[in-house]
PDB file of N, CA and C in Angstrom:
ATOM      1  N   UNK A   1       1.660   0.517 -11.441  1.00  0.00           N
ATOM      2  CA  UNK A   1       1.605   1.468 -10.353  1.00  0.00           C
ATOM      3  C   UNK A   1       2.600   2.609 -10.550  1.00  0.00           C
ATOM      4  N   UNK A   2       3.701   2.315 -11.213  1.00  0.00           N
ATOM      5  CA  UNK A   2       4.709   3.351 -11.450  1.00  0.00           C
ATOM      6  C   UNK A   2       4.134   4.458 -12.324  1.00  0.00           C
ATOM      7  N   UNK A   3       3.296   4.078 -13.293  1.00  0.00           N
ATOM      8  CA  UNK A   3       2.694   5.080 -14.169  1.00  0.00           C
ATOM      9  C   UNK A   3       1.818   6.041 -13.371  1.00  0.00           C
ATOM     10  N   UNK A   4       1.072   5.522 -12.383  1.00  0.00           N
ATOM     11  CA  UNK A   4       0.239   6.382 -11.551  1.00  0.00           C
ATOM     12  C   UNK A   4       1.090   7.283 -10.658  1.00  0.00           C
ATOM     13  N   UNK A   5       2.183   6.771 -10.147  1.00  0.00           N
ATOM     14  CA  UNK A   5       3.086   7.585  -9.338  1.00  0.00           C
ATOM     15  C   UNK A   5       3.666   8.720 -10.174  1.00  0.00           C
ATOM     16  N   UNK A   6       4.097   8.403 -11.386  1.00  0.00           N
ATOM     17  CA  UNK A   6       4.644   9.442 -12.271  1.00  0.00           C
ATOM     18  C   UNK A   6       3.595  10.487 -12.607  1.00  0.00           C
ATOM     19  N   UNK A   7       2.366  10.053 -12.851  1.00  0.00           N
ATOM     20  CA  UNK A   7       1.278  10.994 -13.150  1.00  0.00           C
ATOM     21  C   UNK A   7       1.027  11.904 -11.954  1.00  0.00           C
ATOM     22  N   UNK A   8       1.017  11.339 -10.737  1.00  0.00           N
ATOM     23  CA  UNK A   8       0.809  12.150  -9.533  1.00  0.00           C
ATOM     24  C   UNK A   8       1.931  13.166  -9.368  1.00  0.00           C
ATOM     25  N   UNK A   9       3.161  12.753  -9.610  1.00  0.00           N
ATOM     26  CA  UNK A   9       4.294  13.685  -9.497  1.00  0.00           C
ATOM     27  C   UNK A   9       4.182  14.807 -10.523  1.00  0.00           C
ATOM     28  N   UNK A  10       3.744  14.471 -11.735  1.00  0.00           N
ATOM     29  CA  UNK A  10       3.567  15.497 -12.765  1.00  0.00           C
ATOM     30  C   UNK A  10       2.499  16.506 -12.349  1.00  0.00           C
ATOM     31  N   UNK A  11       1.425  16.028 -11.717  1.00  0.00           N
ATOM     32  CA  UNK A  11       0.359  16.915 -11.283  1.00  0.00           C
ATOM     33  C   UNK A  11       0.778  17.793 -10.106  1.00  0.00           C
ATOM     34  N   UNK A  12       1.618  17.265  -9.209  1.00  0.00           N
ATOM     35  CA  UNK A  12       2.052  18.027  -8.046  1.00  0.00           C
ATOM     36  C   UNK A  12       2.849  19.267  -8.430  1.00  0.00           C
ATOM     37  N   UNK A  13       3.502  19.234  -9.559  1.00  0.00           N
ATOM     38  CA  UNK A  13       4.302  20.375 -10.016  1.00  0.00           C
ATOM     39  C   UNK A  13       3.416  21.595 -10.252  1.00  0.00           C
ATOM     40  N   UNK A  14       2.143  21.371 -10.560  1.00  0.00           N
ATOM     41  CA  UNK A  14       1.224  22.469 -10.867  1.00  0.00           C
ATOM     42  C   UNK A  14       0.801  23.249  -9.613  1.00  0.00           C
ATOM     43  N   UNK A  15       1.054  22.699  -8.424  1.00  0.00           N
ATOM     44  CA  UNK A  15       0.661  23.361  -7.180  1.00  0.00           C
ATOM     45  C   UNK A  15       1.824  24.180  -6.623  1.00  0.00           C
ATOM     46  N   UNK A  16       1.478  25.314  -6.012  1.00  0.00           N
ATOM     47  CA  UNK A  16       2.493  26.144  -5.365  1.00  0.00           C
ATOM     48  C   UNK A  16       2.992  25.487  -4.085  1.00  0.00           C
ATOM     49  N   UNK A  17       2.071  24.864  -3.347  1.00  0.00           N
ATOM     50  CA  UNK A  17       2.422  24.265  -2.071  1.00  0.00           C
ATOM     51  C   UNK A  17       1.519  23.059  -1.833  1.00  0.00           C
ATOM     52  N   UNK A  18       2.085  22.020  -1.247  1.00  0.00           N
ATOM     53  CA  UNK A  18       1.300  20.840  -0.895  1.00  0.00           C
ATOM     54  C   UNK A  18       2.002  20.094   0.224  1.00  0.00           C
ATOM     55  N   UNK A  19       1.232  19.292   0.941  1.00  0.00           N
ATOM     56  CA  UNK A  19       1.804  18.444   1.978  1.00  0.00           C
ATOM     57  C   UNK A  19       1.275  17.029   1.793  1.00  0.00           C
ATOM     58  N   UNK A  20       2.113  16.080   2.094  1.00  0.00           N
ATOM     59  CA  UNK A  20       1.732  14.675   2.042  1.00  0.00           C
ATOM     60  C   UNK A  20       1.706  14.151   3.474  1.00  0.00           C
ATOM     61  N   UNK A  21       0.627  13.474   3.813  1.00  0.00           N
ATOM     62  CA  UNK A  21       0.507  12.923   5.154  1.00  0.00           C
ATOM     63  C   UNK A  21       0.066  11.472   5.040  1.00  0.00           C
ATOM     64  N   UNK A  22       0.630  10.648   5.879  1.00  0.00           N
ATOM     65  CA  UNK A  22       0.226   9.254   5.924  1.00  0.00           C
ATOM     66  C   UNK A  22      -1.013   9.153   6.802  1.00  0.00           C
ATOM     67  N   UNK A  23      -2.040   8.472   6.282  1.00  0.00           N
ATOM     68  CA  UNK A  23      -3.273   8.313   7.039  1.00  0.00           C
ATOM     69  C   UNK A  23      -3.062   7.276   8.131  1.00  0.00           C
ATOM     70  N   UNK A  24      -3.458   7.585   9.363  1.00  0.00           N
ATOM     71  CA  UNK A  24      -3.352   6.591  10.436  1.00  0.00           C
ATOM     72  C   UNK A  24      -4.213   5.368  10.106  1.00  0.00           C
ATOM     73  N   UNK A  25      -3.829   4.242  10.645  1.00  0.00           N
ATOM     74  CA  UNK A  25      -4.503   2.974  10.337  1.00  0.00           C
ATOM     75  C   UNK A  25      -5.998   3.038  10.637  1.00  0.00           C
ATOM     76  N   UNK A  26      -6.369   3.644  11.769  1.00  0.00           N
ATOM     77  CA  UNK A  26      -7.789   3.678  12.125  1.00  0.00           C
ATOM     78  C   UNK A  26      -8.601   4.620  11.247  1.00  0.00           C
ATOM     79  N   UNK A  27      -7.953   5.505  10.495  1.00  0.00           N
ATOM     80  CA  UNK A  27      -8.655   6.400   9.567  1.00  0.00           C
ATOM     81  C   UNK A  27      -8.565   5.896   8.131  1.00  0.00           C
ATOM     82  N   UNK A  28      -8.049   4.692   7.944  1.00  0.00           N
ATOM     83  CA  UNK A  28      -7.837   4.150   6.612  1.00  0.00           C
ATOM     84  C   UNK A  28      -8.637   2.863   6.413  1.00  0.00           C
ATOM     85  N   UNK A  29      -9.821   2.804   7.010  1.00  0.00           N
ATOM     86  CA  UNK A  29     -10.632   1.597   6.984  1.00  0.00           C
ATOM     87  C   UNK A  29     -11.096   1.221   5.577  1.00  0.00           C
ATOM     88  N   UNK A  30     -11.405   2.224   4.749  1.00  0.00           N
ATOM     89  CA  UNK A  30     -11.873   1.924   3.390  1.00  0.00           C
ATOM     90  C   UNK A  30     -10.777   1.235   2.570  1.00  0.00           C
ATOM     91  N   UNK A  31      -9.563   1.728   2.698  1.00  0.00           N
ATOM     92  CA  UNK A  31      -8.461   1.112   1.960  1.00  0.00           C
ATOM     93  C   UNK A  31      -8.199  -0.300   2.467  1.00  0.00           C
ATOM     94  N   UNK A  32      -8.293  -0.506   3.766  1.00  0.00           N
ATOM     95  CA  UNK A  32      -8.112  -1.846   4.334  1.00  0.00           C
ATOM     96  C   UNK A  32      -9.182  -2.804   3.814  1.00  0.00           C
ATOM     97  N   UNK A  33     -10.423  -2.321   3.766  1.00  0.00           N
ATOM     98  CA  UNK A  33     -11.518  -3.162   3.283  1.00  0.00           C
ATOM     99  C   UNK A  33     -11.315  -3.538   1.827  1.00  0.00           C
ATOM    100  N   UNK A  34     -10.859  -2.604   1.020  1.00  0.00           N
ATOM    101  CA  UNK A  34     -10.604  -2.909  -0.397  1.00  0.00           C
ATOM    102  C   UNK A  34      -9.464  -3.906  -0.549  1.00  0.00           C
ATOM    103  N   UNK A  35      -8.427  -3.755   0.264  1.00  0.00           N
ATOM    104  CA  UNK A  35      -7.300  -4.687   0.193  1.00  0.00           C
ATOM    105  C   UNK A  35      -7.735  -6.089   0.593  1.00  0.00           C
ATOM    106  N   UNK A  36      -8.551  -6.198   1.648  1.00  0.00           N
ATOM    107  CA  UNK A  36      -9.050  -7.512   2.063  1.00  0.00           C
ATOM    108  C   UNK A  36      -9.953  -8.108   1.002  1.00  0.00           C
ATOM    109  N   UNK A  37     -10.790  -7.279   0.381  1.00  0.00           N
ATOM    110  CA  UNK A  37     -11.684  -7.745  -0.669  1.00  0.00           C
ATOM    111  C   UNK A  37     -10.893  -8.260  -1.869  1.00  0.00           C
ATOM    112  N   UNK A  38      -9.846  -7.551  -2.214  1.00  0.00           N
ATOM    113  CA  UNK A  38      -9.034  -7.955  -3.369  1.00  0.00           C
ATOM    114  C   UNK A  38      -8.344  -9.288  -3.132  1.00  0.00           C
ATOM    115  N   UNK A  39      -8.012  -9.569  -1.876  1.00  0.00           N
ATOM    116  CA  UNK A  39      -7.311 -10.818  -1.584  1.00  0.00           C
ATOM    117  C   UNK A  39      -8.268 -11.948  -1.206  1.00  0.00           C
ATOM    118  N   UNK A  40      -9.563 -11.657  -1.129  1.00  0.00           N
ATOM    119  CA  UNK A  40     -10.539 -12.685  -0.745  1.00  0.00           C
ATOM    120  C   UNK A  40     -10.716 -13.701  -1.866  1.00  0.00           C
ATOM    121  N   UNK A  41     -10.792 -14.959  -1.486  1.00  0.00           N
ATOM    122  CA  UNK A  41     -10.989 -16.026  -2.464  1.00  0.00           C
ATOM    123  C   UNK A  41     -12.411 -16.571  -2.417  1.00  0.00           C
ATOM    124  N   UNK A  42     -13.181 -16.098  -1.461  1.00  0.00           N
ATOM    125  CA  UNK A  42     -14.546 -16.570  -1.297  1.00  0.00           C
ATOM    126  C   UNK A  42     -15.452 -15.845  -2.295  1.00  0.00           C
ATOM    127  N   UNK A  43     -16.076 -16.569  -3.191  1.00  0.00           N
ATOM    128  CA  UNK A  43     -16.916 -15.976  -4.230  1.00  0.00           C
ATOM    129  C   UNK A  43     -18.119 -15.264  -3.629  1.00  0.00           C
ATOM    130  N   UNK A  44     -18.677 -15.764  -2.519  1.00  0.00           N
ATOM    131  CA  UNK A  44     -19.828 -15.115  -1.888  1.00  0.00           C
ATOM    132  C   UNK A  44     -19.459 -13.730  -1.374  1.00  0.00           C
ATOM    133  N   UNK A  45     -18.272 -13.593  -0.827  1.00  0.00           N
ATOM    134  CA  UNK A  45     -17.826 -12.298  -0.322  1.00  0.00           C
ATOM    135  C   UNK A  45     -17.658 -11.311  -1.467  1.00  0.00           C
ATOM    136  N   UNK A  46     -17.149 -11.769  -2.585  1.00  0.00           N
ATOM    137  CA  UNK A  46     -16.918 -10.880  -3.719  1.00  0.00           C
ATOM    138  C   UNK A  46     -18.227 -10.379  -4.320  1.00  0.00           C
ATOM    139  N   UNK A  47     -19.315 -11.148  -4.201  1.00  0.00           N
ATOM    140  CA  UNK A  47     -20.596 -10.729  -4.773  1.00  0.00           C
ATOM    141  C   UNK A  47     -21.316  -9.698  -3.920  1.00  0.00           C
ATOM    142  N   UNK A  48     -20.911  -9.493  -2.684  1.00  0.00           N
ATOM    143  CA  UNK A  48     -21.572  -8.543  -1.790  1.00  0.00           C
ATOM    144  C   UNK A  48     -21.297  -7.109  -2.229  1.00  0.00           C
ATOM    145  N   UNK A  49     -20.078  -6.837  -2.589  1.00  0.00           N
ATOM    146  CA  UNK A  49     -19.656  -5.480  -2.936  1.00  0.00           C
ATOM    147  C   UNK A  49     -19.599  -5.354  -4.452  1.00  0.00           C
ATOM    148  N   UNK A  50     -20.272  -4.344  -5.011  1.00  0.00           N
ATOM    149  CA  UNK A  50     -20.191  -4.166  -6.472  1.00  0.00           C
ATOM    150  C   UNK A  50     -18.777  -3.744  -6.881  1.00  0.00           C
ATOM    151  N   UNK A  51     -18.262  -4.414  -7.876  1.00  0.00           N
ATOM    152  CA  UNK A  51     -16.905  -4.142  -8.341  1.00  0.00           C
ATOM    153  C   UNK A  51     -16.968  -3.723  -9.803  1.00  0.00           C
ATOM    154  N   UNK A  52     -16.328  -2.620 -10.112  1.00  0.00           N
ATOM    155  CA  UNK A  52     -16.249  -2.169 -11.490  1.00  0.00           C
ATOM    156  C   UNK A  52     -14.878  -2.557 -12.038  1.00  0.00           C
ATOM    157  N   UNK A  53     -14.877  -3.299 -13.109  1.00  0.00           N
ATOM    158  CA  UNK A  53     -13.618  -3.703 -13.737  1.00  0.00           C
ATOM    159  C   UNK A  53     -13.357  -2.804 -14.939  1.00  0.00           C
ATOM    160  N   UNK A  54     -12.198  -2.196 -14.957  1.00  0.00           N
ATOM    161  CA  UNK A  54     -11.824  -1.315 -16.059  1.00  0.00           C
ATOM    162  C   UNK A  54     -11.234  -2.146 -17.185  1.00  0.00           C
ATOM    163  N   UNK A  55     -11.659  -1.863 -18.386  1.00  0.00           N
ATOM    164  CA  UNK A  55     -11.134  -2.605 -19.535  1.00  0.00           C
ATOM    165  C   UNK A  55      -9.763  -2.092 -19.964  1.00  0.00           C
ATOM    166  N   UNK A  56      -9.438  -0.880 -19.535  1.00  0.00           N
ATOM    167  CA  UNK A  56      -8.143  -0.295 -19.898  1.00  0.00           C
ATOM    168  C   UNK A  56      -7.672   0.572 -18.731  1.00  0.00           C
ATOM    169  N   UNK A  57      -6.369   0.817 -18.618  1.00  0.00           N
ATOM    170  CA  UNK A  57      -5.872   1.697 -17.556  1.00  0.00           C
ATOM    171  C   UNK A  57      -6.474   3.090 -17.681  1.00  0.00           C
ATOM    172  N   UNK A  58      -6.598   3.769 -16.562  1.00  0.00           N
ATOM    173  CA  UNK A  58      -7.185   5.106 -16.580  1.00  0.00           C
ATOM    174  C   UNK A  58      -6.186   6.173 -17.033  1.00  0.00           C
ATOM    175  N   UNK A  59      -4.919   5.821 -17.139  1.00  0.00           N
ATOM    176  CA  UNK A  59      -3.921   6.747 -17.677  1.00  0.00           C
ATOM    177  C   UNK A  59      -3.102   6.014 -18.718  1.00  0.00           C
ATOM    178  N   UNK A  60      -2.498   6.771 -19.598  1.00  0.00           N
ATOM    179  CA  UNK A  60      -1.637   6.191 -20.624  1.00  0.00           C
ATOM    180  C   UNK A  60      -0.273   5.911 -20.013  1.00  0.00           C
ATOM    181  N   UNK A  61       0.178   4.687 -20.133  1.00  0.00           N
ATOM    182  CA  UNK A  61       1.494   4.322 -19.619  1.00  0.00           C
ATOM    183  C   UNK A  61       2.569   4.791 -20.589  1.00  0.00           C
ATOM    184  N   UNK A  62       3.681   5.189 -20.025  1.00  0.00           N
ATOM    185  CA  UNK A  62       4.817   5.583 -20.852  1.00  0.00           C
ATOM    186  C   UNK A  62       5.453   4.347 -21.459  1.00  0.00           C
ATOM    187  N   UNK A  63       6.206   4.549 -22.510  1.00  0.00           N
ATOM    188  CA  UNK A  63       6.917   3.438 -23.129  1.00  0.00           C
ATOM    189  C   UNK A  63       7.906   2.878 -22.125  1.00  0.00           C
ATOM    190  N   UNK A  64       7.754   1.593 -21.823  1.00  0.00           N
ATOM    191  CA  UNK A  64       8.580   0.972 -20.791  1.00  0.00           C
ATOM    192  C   UNK A  64       9.642   0.072 -21.397  1.00  0.00           C
ATOM    193  N   UNK A  65      10.102   0.419 -22.583  1.00  0.00           N
ATOM    194  CA  UNK A  65      11.119  -0.422 -23.200  1.00  0.00           C
ATOM    195  C   UNK A  65      12.460  -0.220 -22.502  1.00  0.00           C
ATOM    196  N   UNK A  66      13.229  -1.264 -22.487  1.00  0.00           N
ATOM    197  CA  UNK A  66      14.520  -1.248 -21.811  1.00  0.00           C
ATOM    198  C   UNK A  66      15.605  -1.469 -22.862  1.00  0.00           C
ATOM    199  N   UNK A  67      16.567  -0.576 -22.902  1.00  0.00           N
ATOM    200  CA  UNK A  67      17.663  -0.694 -23.847  1.00  0.00           C
ATOM    201  C   UNK A  67      18.830  -1.372 -23.146  1.00  0.00           C
ATOM    202  N   UNK A  68      19.293  -2.437 -23.734  1.00  0.00           N
ATOM    203  CA  UNK A  68      20.412  -3.177 -23.158  1.00  0.00           C
ATOM    204  C   UNK A  68      21.594  -3.058 -24.114  1.00  0.00           C
ATOM    205  N   UNK A  69      22.722  -2.673 -23.577  1.00  0.00           N
ATOM    206  CA  UNK A  69      23.923  -2.558 -24.377  1.00  0.00           C
ATOM    207  C   UNK A  69      24.906  -3.636 -23.931  1.00  0.00           C
ATOM    208  N   UNK A  70      25.464  -4.316 -24.920  1.00  0.00           N
ATOM    209  CA  UNK A  70      26.453  -5.348 -24.599  1.00  0.00           C
ATOM    210  C   UNK A  70      27.776  -4.680 -24.253  1.00  0.00           C
ATOM    211  N   UNK A  71      28.329  -5.068 -23.135  1.00  0.00           N
ATOM    212  CA  UNK A  71      29.600  -4.527 -22.672  1.00  0.00           C
ATOM    213  C   UNK A  71      30.538  -5.709 -22.444  1.00  0.00           C
ATOM    214  N   UNK A  72      31.768  -5.551 -22.882  1.00  0.00           N
ATOM    215  CA  UNK A  72      32.729  -6.629 -22.652  1.00  0.00           C
ATOM    216  C   UNK A  72      32.946  -6.815 -21.155  1.00  0.00           C
ATOM    217  N   UNK A  73      32.981  -8.061 -20.748  1.00  0.00           N
ATOM    218  CA  UNK A  73      33.231  -8.395 -19.354  1.00  0.00           C
ATOM    219  C   UNK A  73      34.595  -9.065 -19.258  1.00  0.00           C
ATOM    220  N   UNK A  74      34.939  -9.531 -18.091  1.00  0.00           N
ATOM    221  CA  UNK A  74      36.209 -10.215 -17.888  1.00  0.00           C
ATOM    222  C   UNK A  74      36.268 -11.495 -18.708  1.00  0.00           C
ATOM    223  N   UNK A  75      35.099 -11.997 -19.122  1.00  0.00           N
ATOM    224  CA  UNK A  75      35.055 -13.249 -19.876  1.00  0.00           C
ATOM    225  C   UNK A  75      35.370 -13.078 -21.357  1.00  0.00           C
ATOM    226  N   UNK A  76      35.269 -11.861 -21.862  1.00  0.00           N
ATOM    227  CA  UNK A  76      35.403 -11.625 -23.301  1.00  0.00           C
ATOM    228  C   UNK A  76      36.709 -12.173 -23.888  1.00  0.00           C
ATOM    229  N   UNK A  77      37.890 -11.905 -23.296  1.00  0.00           N
ATOM    230  CA  UNK A  77      39.118 -12.442 -23.885  1.00  0.00           C
ATOM    231  C   UNK A  77      39.140 -13.980 -23.901  1.00  0.00           C
ATOM    232  N   UNK A  78      38.596 -14.590 -22.854  1.00  0.00           N
ATOM    233  CA  UNK A  78      38.562 -16.053 -22.802  1.00  0.00           C
ATOM    234  C   UNK A  78      37.638 -16.616 -23.881  1.00  0.00           C
ATOM    235  N   UNK A  79      36.491 -15.973 -24.051  1.00  0.00           N
ATOM    236  CA  UNK A  79      35.548 -16.440 -25.072  1.00  0.00           C
ATOM    237  C   UNK A  79      36.125 -16.268 -26.475  1.00  0.00           C
ATOM    238  N   UNK A  80      36.797 -15.143 -26.703  1.00  0.00           N
ATOM    239  CA  UNK A  80      37.436 -14.917 -28.008  1.00  0.00           C
ATOM    240  C   UNK A  80      38.482 -15.992 -28.293  1.00  0.00           C
ATOM    241  N   UNK A  81      39.263 -16.306 -27.284  1.00  0.00           N
ATOM    242  CA  UNK A  81      40.307 -17.312 -27.465  1.00  0.00           C
ATOM    243  C   UNK A  81      39.707 -18.701 -27.666  1.00  0.00           C
ATOM    244  N   UNK A  82      38.731 -19.065 -26.828  1.00  0.00           N
ATOM    245  CA  UNK A  82      38.162 -20.410 -26.903  1.00  0.00           C
ATOM    246  C   UNK A  82      37.313 -20.627 -28.162  1.00  0.00           C
ATOM    247  N   UNK A  83      36.681 -19.585 -28.677  1.00  0.00           N
ATOM    248  CA  UNK A  83      35.840 -19.750 -29.870  1.00  0.00           C
ATOM    249  C   UNK A  83      36.591 -19.480 -31.170  1.00  0.00           C
ATOM    250  N   UNK A  84      37.476 -18.487 -31.155  1.00  0.00           N
ATOM    251  CA  UNK A  84      38.121 -18.069 -32.403  1.00  0.00           C
ATOM    252  C   UNK A  84      39.636 -18.196 -32.389  1.00  0.00           C
ATOM    253  N   UNK A  85      40.208 -18.497 -31.227  1.00  0.00           N
ATOM    254  CA  UNK A  85      41.655 -18.614 -31.143  1.00  0.00           C
ATOM    255  C   UNK A  85      42.369 -17.284 -31.135  1.00  0.00           C
ATOM    256  N   UNK A  86      41.663 -16.196 -30.827  1.00  0.00           N
ATOM    257  CA  UNK A  86      42.246 -14.857 -30.824  1.00  0.00           C
ATOM    258  C   UNK A  86      43.001 -14.630 -29.520  1.00  0.00           C
ATOM    259  N   UNK A  87      44.266 -14.184 -29.648  1.00  0.00           N
ATOM    260  CA  UNK A  87      45.112 -13.904 -28.488  1.00  0.00           C
ATOM    261  C   UNK A  87      45.516 -12.436 -28.483  1.00  0.00           C
ATOM    262  N   UNK A  88      45.807 -11.878 -27.295  1.00  0.00           N
ATOM    263  CA  UNK A  88      46.311 -10.508 -27.237  1.00  0.00           C
ATOM    264  C   UNK A  88      47.661 -10.397 -27.950  1.00  0.00           C
ATOM    265  N   UNK A  89      47.998  -9.200 -28.405  1.00  0.00           N
ATOM    266  CA  UNK A  89      49.259  -8.976 -29.109  1.00  0.00           C
ATOM    267  C   UNK A  89      50.455  -9.140 -28.172  1.00  0.00           C
ATOM    268  N   UNK A  90      50.301  -8.760 -26.927  1.00  0.00           N
ATOM    269  CA  UNK A  90      51.374  -8.894 -25.944  1.00  0.00           C
ATOM    270  C   UNK A  90      51.616 -10.373 -25.642  1.00  0.00           C
ATOM    271  N   UNK A  91      52.867 -10.834 -25.792  1.00  0.00           N
ATOM    272  CA  UNK A  91      53.185 -12.251 -25.615  1.00  0.00           C
ATOM    273  C   UNK A  91      52.920 -12.741 -24.188  1.00  0.00           C
ATOM    274  N   UNK A  92      53.256 -11.912 -23.202  1.00  0.00           N
ATOM    275  CA  UNK A  92      53.018 -12.308 -21.808  1.00  0.00           C
ATOM    276  C   UNK A  92      51.529 -12.462 -21.513  1.00  0.00           C
ATOM    277  N   UNK A  93      50.734 -11.503 -21.996  1.00  0.00           N
ATOM    278  CA  UNK A  93      49.285 -11.589 -21.785  1.00  0.00           C
ATOM    279  C   UNK A  93      48.698 -12.782 -22.533  1.00  0.00           C
ATOM    280  N   UNK A  94      49.238 -13.044 -23.729  1.00  0.00           N
ATOM    281  CA  UNK A  94      48.754 -14.177 -24.523  1.00  0.00           C
ATOM    282  C   UNK A  94      49.048 -15.492 -23.802  1.00  0.00           C
ATOM    283  N   UNK A  95      50.243 -15.621 -23.272  1.00  0.00           N
ATOM    284  CA  UNK A  95      50.631 -16.846 -22.561  1.00  0.00           C
ATOM    285  C   UNK A  95      49.769 -17.036 -21.309  1.00  0.00           C
ATOM    286  N   UNK A  96      49.553 -15.943 -20.577  1.00  0.00           N
ATOM    287  CA  UNK A  96      48.726 -16.001 -19.370  1.00  0.00           C
ATOM    288  C   UNK A  96      47.286 -16.383 -19.725  1.00  0.00           C
ATOM    289  N   UNK A  97      46.780 -15.811 -20.808  1.00  0.00           N
ATOM    290  CA  UNK A  97      45.419 -16.118 -21.239  1.00  0.00           C
ATOM    291  C   UNK A  97      45.288 -17.588 -21.617  1.00  0.00           C
ATOM    292  N   UNK A  98      46.253 -18.112 -22.360  1.00  0.00           N
ATOM    293  CA  UNK A  98      46.212 -19.528 -22.741  1.00  0.00           C
ATOM    294  C   UNK A  98      46.245 -20.425 -21.504  1.00  0.00           C
ATOM    295  N   UNK A  99      47.088 -20.083 -20.557  1.00  0.00           N
ATOM    296  CA  UNK A  99      47.231 -20.880 -19.346  1.00  0.00           C
ATOM    297  C   UNK A  99      45.940 -20.855 -18.528  1.00  0.00           C
ATOM    298  N   UNK A 100      45.337 -19.647 -18.396  1.00  0.00           N
ATOM    299  CA  UNK A 100      44.108 -19.518 -17.605  1.00  0.00           C
ATOM    300  C   UNK A 100      42.891 -20.072 -18.338  1.00  0.00           C
ATOM    301  N   UNK A 101      42.869 -19.955 -19.655  1.00  0.00           N
ATOM    302  CA  UNK A 101      41.714 -20.420 -20.434  1.00  0.00           C
ATOM    303  C   UNK A 101      41.563 -21.931 -20.362  1.00  0.00           C
ATOM    304  N   UNK A 102      42.635 -22.622 -20.054  1.00  0.00           N
ATOM    305  CA  UNK A 102      42.564 -24.082 -19.942  1.00  0.00           C
ATOM    306  C   UNK A 102      41.649 -24.506 -18.796  1.00  0.00           C
ATOM    307  N   UNK A 103      41.356 -23.593 -17.897  1.00  0.00           N
ATOM    308  CA  UNK A 103      40.501 -23.909 -16.741  1.00  0.00           C
ATOM    309  C   UNK A 103      39.012 -23.680 -17.038  1.00  0.00           C
ATOM    310  N   UNK A 104      38.692 -23.166 -18.229  1.00  0.00           N
ATOM    311  CA  UNK A 104      37.312 -22.850 -18.584  1.00  0.00           C
ATOM    312  C   UNK A 104      36.862 -23.684 -19.775  1.00  0.00           C
ATOM    313  N   UNK A 105      35.543 -23.887 -19.846  1.00  0.00           N
ATOM    314  CA  UNK A 105      34.938 -24.507 -21.018  1.00  0.00           C
ATOM    315  C   UNK A 105      33.716 -23.682 -21.415  1.00  0.00           C
ATOM    316  N   UNK A 106      33.361 -23.735 -22.672  1.00  0.00           N
ATOM    317  CA  UNK A 106      32.156 -23.067 -23.146  1.00  0.00           C
ATOM    318  C   UNK A 106      31.050 -24.116 -23.276  1.00  0.00           C
ATOM    319  N   UNK A 107      29.912 -23.809 -22.724  1.00  0.00           N
ATOM    320  CA  UNK A 107      28.773 -24.701 -22.834  1.00  0.00           C
ATOM    321  C   UNK A 107      27.729 -24.014 -23.705  1.00  0.00           C
ATOM    322  N   UNK A 108      27.320 -24.682 -24.773  1.00  0.00           N
ATOM    323  CA  UNK A 108      26.349 -24.162 -25.737  1.00  0.00           C
ATOM    324  C   UNK A 108      26.781 -22.835 -26.272  1.00  0.00           C
TER     325      UNK A 108
END
């Protein structure tokens, strides 16, 4: 649905002026009927109305890949210490880390 929204927004830019209005419920009977039909589980009801099934979307979807970047969290120093024995250079921070790391365990 996001692809259709983006396509509509791209098309709206081509107009000098436009207005969007919400259709009142009593003037939106066709959409209500389609929504009820889509949620109907009765096979007899579905055979009454001809339904066209599209084999492919009517618009090309944009690439929806998500890039994830690893960022150090508060756990990073503890994990470094518990897995590799790495401590901060500062002696006070190292001592505090060792003391606090004793309260954590790594699972898998």
